[in-house]
Amino acid sequence: MCFRYTDNDKDSFLMTLPKQLELISSFYNDR
């Protein structure tokens, strides 16, 4: 995986990551 991130991209990615994990975990918990 060779992505090129600017600092802003990295920050926004890290900011959205917990929300994505929450959605994924809630999705699996509902099944």
PDB file of N, CA and C in Angstrom:
ATOM      1  N   MET A   1       0.843  -1.189   0.000  1.00  0.00           N
ATOM      2  CA  MET A   1       0.000   0.000   0.000  1.00  0.00           C
ATOM      3  C   MET A   1       0.877   1.237   0.000  1.00  0.00           C
ATOM      4  N   CYS A   2       0.918   1.910  -1.107  1.00  0.00           N
ATOM      5  CA  CYS A   2       1.715   3.129  -1.159  1.00  0.00           C
ATOM      6  C   CYS A   2       0.810   4.304  -1.489  1.00  0.00           C
ATOM      7  N   PHE A   3       0.191   4.821  -0.464  1.00  0.00           N
ATOM      8  CA  PHE A   3      -0.642   6.008  -0.643  1.00  0.00           C
ATOM      9  C   PHE A   3       0.187   7.237  -0.339  1.00  0.00           C
ATOM     10  N   ARG A   4      -0.130   8.298  -1.008  1.00  0.00           N
ATOM     11  CA  ARG A   4       0.533   9.568  -0.711  1.00  0.00           C
ATOM     12  C   ARG A   4      -0.480  10.480  -0.048  1.00  0.00           C
ATOM     13  N   TYR A   5      -0.221  10.792   1.192  1.00  0.00           N
ATOM     14  CA  TYR A   5      -1.134  11.651   1.940  1.00  0.00           C
ATOM     15  C   TYR A   5      -0.508  13.013   2.177  1.00  0.00           C
ATOM     16  N   THR A   6      -1.316  14.022   2.066  1.00  0.00           N
ATOM     17  CA  THR A   6      -0.893  15.296   2.635  1.00  0.00           C
ATOM     18  C   THR A   6      -1.269  15.255   4.110  1.00  0.00           C
ATOM     19  N   ASP A   7      -0.803  16.211   4.863  1.00  0.00           N
ATOM     20  CA  ASP A   7      -1.114  16.219   6.298  1.00  0.00           C
ATOM     21  C   ASP A   7      -2.615  16.339   6.519  1.00  0.00           C
ATOM     22  N   ASN A   8      -3.271  17.124   5.696  1.00  0.00           N
ATOM     23  CA  ASN A   8      -4.709  17.298   5.856  1.00  0.00           C
ATOM     24  C   ASN A   8      -5.449  15.993   5.589  1.00  0.00           C
ATOM     25  N   ASP A   9      -5.020  15.266   4.575  1.00  0.00           N
ATOM     26  CA  ASP A   9      -5.663  13.990   4.277  1.00  0.00           C
ATOM     27  C   ASP A   9      -5.482  13.021   5.431  1.00  0.00           C
ATOM     28  N   LYS A  10      -4.284  12.997   5.977  1.00  0.00           N
ATOM     29  CA  LYS A  10      -4.009  12.085   7.084  1.00  0.00           C
ATOM     30  C   LYS A  10      -4.869  12.436   8.289  1.00  0.00           C
ATOM     31  N   ASP A  11      -4.974  13.730   8.567  1.00  0.00           N
ATOM     32  CA  ASP A  11      -5.781  14.163   9.712  1.00  0.00           C
ATOM     33  C   ASP A  11      -7.239  13.782   9.518  1.00  0.00           C
ATOM     34  N   SER A  12      -7.778  14.055   8.353  1.00  0.00           N
ATOM     35  CA  SER A  12      -9.190  13.753   8.121  1.00  0.00           C
ATOM     36  C   SER A  12      -9.416  12.244   8.157  1.00  0.00           C
ATOM     37  N   PHE A  13      -8.464  11.478   7.631  1.00  0.00           N
ATOM     38  CA  PHE A  13      -8.592  10.023   7.664  1.00  0.00           C
ATOM     39  C   PHE A  13      -8.605   9.518   9.100  1.00  0.00           C
ATOM     40  N   LEU A  14      -7.696  10.021   9.916  1.00  0.00           N
ATOM     41  CA  LEU A  14      -7.647   9.602  11.316  1.00  0.00           C
ATOM     42  C   LEU A  14      -8.887  10.053  12.068  1.00  0.00           C
ATOM     43  N   MET A  15      -9.443  11.184  11.672  1.00  0.00           N
ATOM     44  CA  MET A  15     -10.644  11.673  12.343  1.00  0.00           C
ATOM     45  C   MET A  15     -11.846  10.786  12.029  1.00  0.00           C
ATOM     46  N   THR A  16     -11.934  10.313  10.796  1.00  0.00           N
ATOM     47  CA  THR A  16     -13.104   9.523  10.408  1.00  0.00           C
ATOM     48  C   THR A  16     -12.947   8.050  10.766  1.00  0.00           C
ATOM     49  N   LEU A  17     -11.746   7.617  11.039  1.00  0.00           N
ATOM     50  CA  LEU A  17     -11.524   6.196  11.309  1.00  0.00           C
ATOM     51  C   LEU A  17     -12.333   5.665  12.484  1.00  0.00           C
ATOM     52  N   PRO A  18     -12.362   6.320  13.639  1.00  0.00           N
ATOM     53  CA  PRO A  18     -13.163   5.803  14.756  1.00  0.00           C
ATOM     54  C   PRO A  18     -14.634   5.665  14.396  1.00  0.00           C
ATOM     55  N   LYS A  19     -15.170   6.600  13.634  1.00  0.00           N
ATOM     56  CA  LYS A  19     -16.575   6.507  13.253  1.00  0.00           C
ATOM     57  C   LYS A  19     -16.804   5.308  12.346  1.00  0.00           C
ATOM     58  N   GLN A  20     -15.886   5.060  11.440  1.00  0.00           N
ATOM     59  CA  GLN A  20     -16.015   3.906  10.563  1.00  0.00           C
ATOM     60  C   GLN A  20     -15.959   2.618  11.369  1.00  0.00           C
ATOM     61  N   LEU A  21     -15.057   2.556  12.337  1.00  0.00           N
ATOM     62  CA  LEU A  21     -14.966   1.369  13.180  1.00  0.00           C
ATOM     63  C   LEU A  21     -16.240   1.180  13.986  1.00  0.00           C
ATOM     64  N   GLU A  22     -16.820   2.271  14.454  1.00  0.00           N
ATOM     65  CA  GLU A  22     -18.081   2.179  15.194  1.00  0.00           C
ATOM     66  C   GLU A  22     -19.174   1.609  14.310  1.00  0.00           C
ATOM     67  N   LEU A  23     -19.261   2.106  13.093  1.00  0.00           N
ATOM     68  CA  LEU A  23     -20.286   1.617  12.175  1.00  0.00           C
ATOM     69  C   LEU A  23     -20.083   0.139  11.875  1.00  0.00           C
ATOM     70  N   ILE A  24     -18.852  -0.249  11.632  1.00  0.00           N
ATOM     71  CA  ILE A  24     -18.566  -1.650  11.323  1.00  0.00           C
ATOM     72  C   ILE A  24     -18.895  -2.540  12.512  1.00  0.00           C
ATOM     73  N   SER A  25     -18.474  -2.156  13.694  1.00  0.00           N
ATOM     74  CA  SER A  25     -18.719  -2.980  14.881  1.00  0.00           C
ATOM     75  C   SER A  25     -20.212  -3.064  15.173  1.00  0.00           C
ATOM     76  N   SER A  26     -20.929  -1.951  15.028  1.00  0.00           N
ATOM     77  CA  SER A  26     -22.372  -1.983  15.271  1.00  0.00           C
ATOM     78  C   SER A  26     -23.050  -2.862  14.227  1.00  0.00           C
ATOM     79  N   PHE A  27     -22.563  -2.827  13.011  1.00  0.00           N
ATOM     80  CA  PHE A  27     -23.131  -3.666  11.957  1.00  0.00           C
ATOM     81  C   PHE A  27     -22.965  -5.141  12.311  1.00  0.00           C
ATOM     82  N   TYR A  28     -21.786  -5.533  12.771  1.00  0.00           N
ATOM     83  CA  TYR A  28     -21.560  -6.933  13.120  1.00  0.00           C
ATOM     84  C   TYR A  28     -22.322  -7.328  14.377  1.00  0.00           C
ATOM     85  N   ASN A  29     -22.487  -6.395  15.295  1.00  0.00           N
ATOM     86  CA  ASN A  29     -23.214  -6.710  16.518  1.00  0.00           C
ATOM     87  C   ASN A  29     -24.691  -6.931  16.244  1.00  0.00           C
ATOM     88  N   ASP A  30     -25.211  -6.271  15.222  1.00  0.00           N
ATOM     89  CA  ASP A  30     -26.631  -6.410  14.904  1.00  0.00           C
ATOM     90  C   ASP A  30     -26.938  -7.749  14.248  1.00  0.00           C
ATOM     91  N   ARG A  31     -25.964  -8.364  13.658  1.00  0.00           N
ATOM     92  CA  ARG A  31     -26.222  -9.618  12.947  1.00  0.00           C
ATOM     93  C   ARG A  31     -26.441 -10.767  13.908  1.00  0.00           C
TER      94      ARG A  31
END
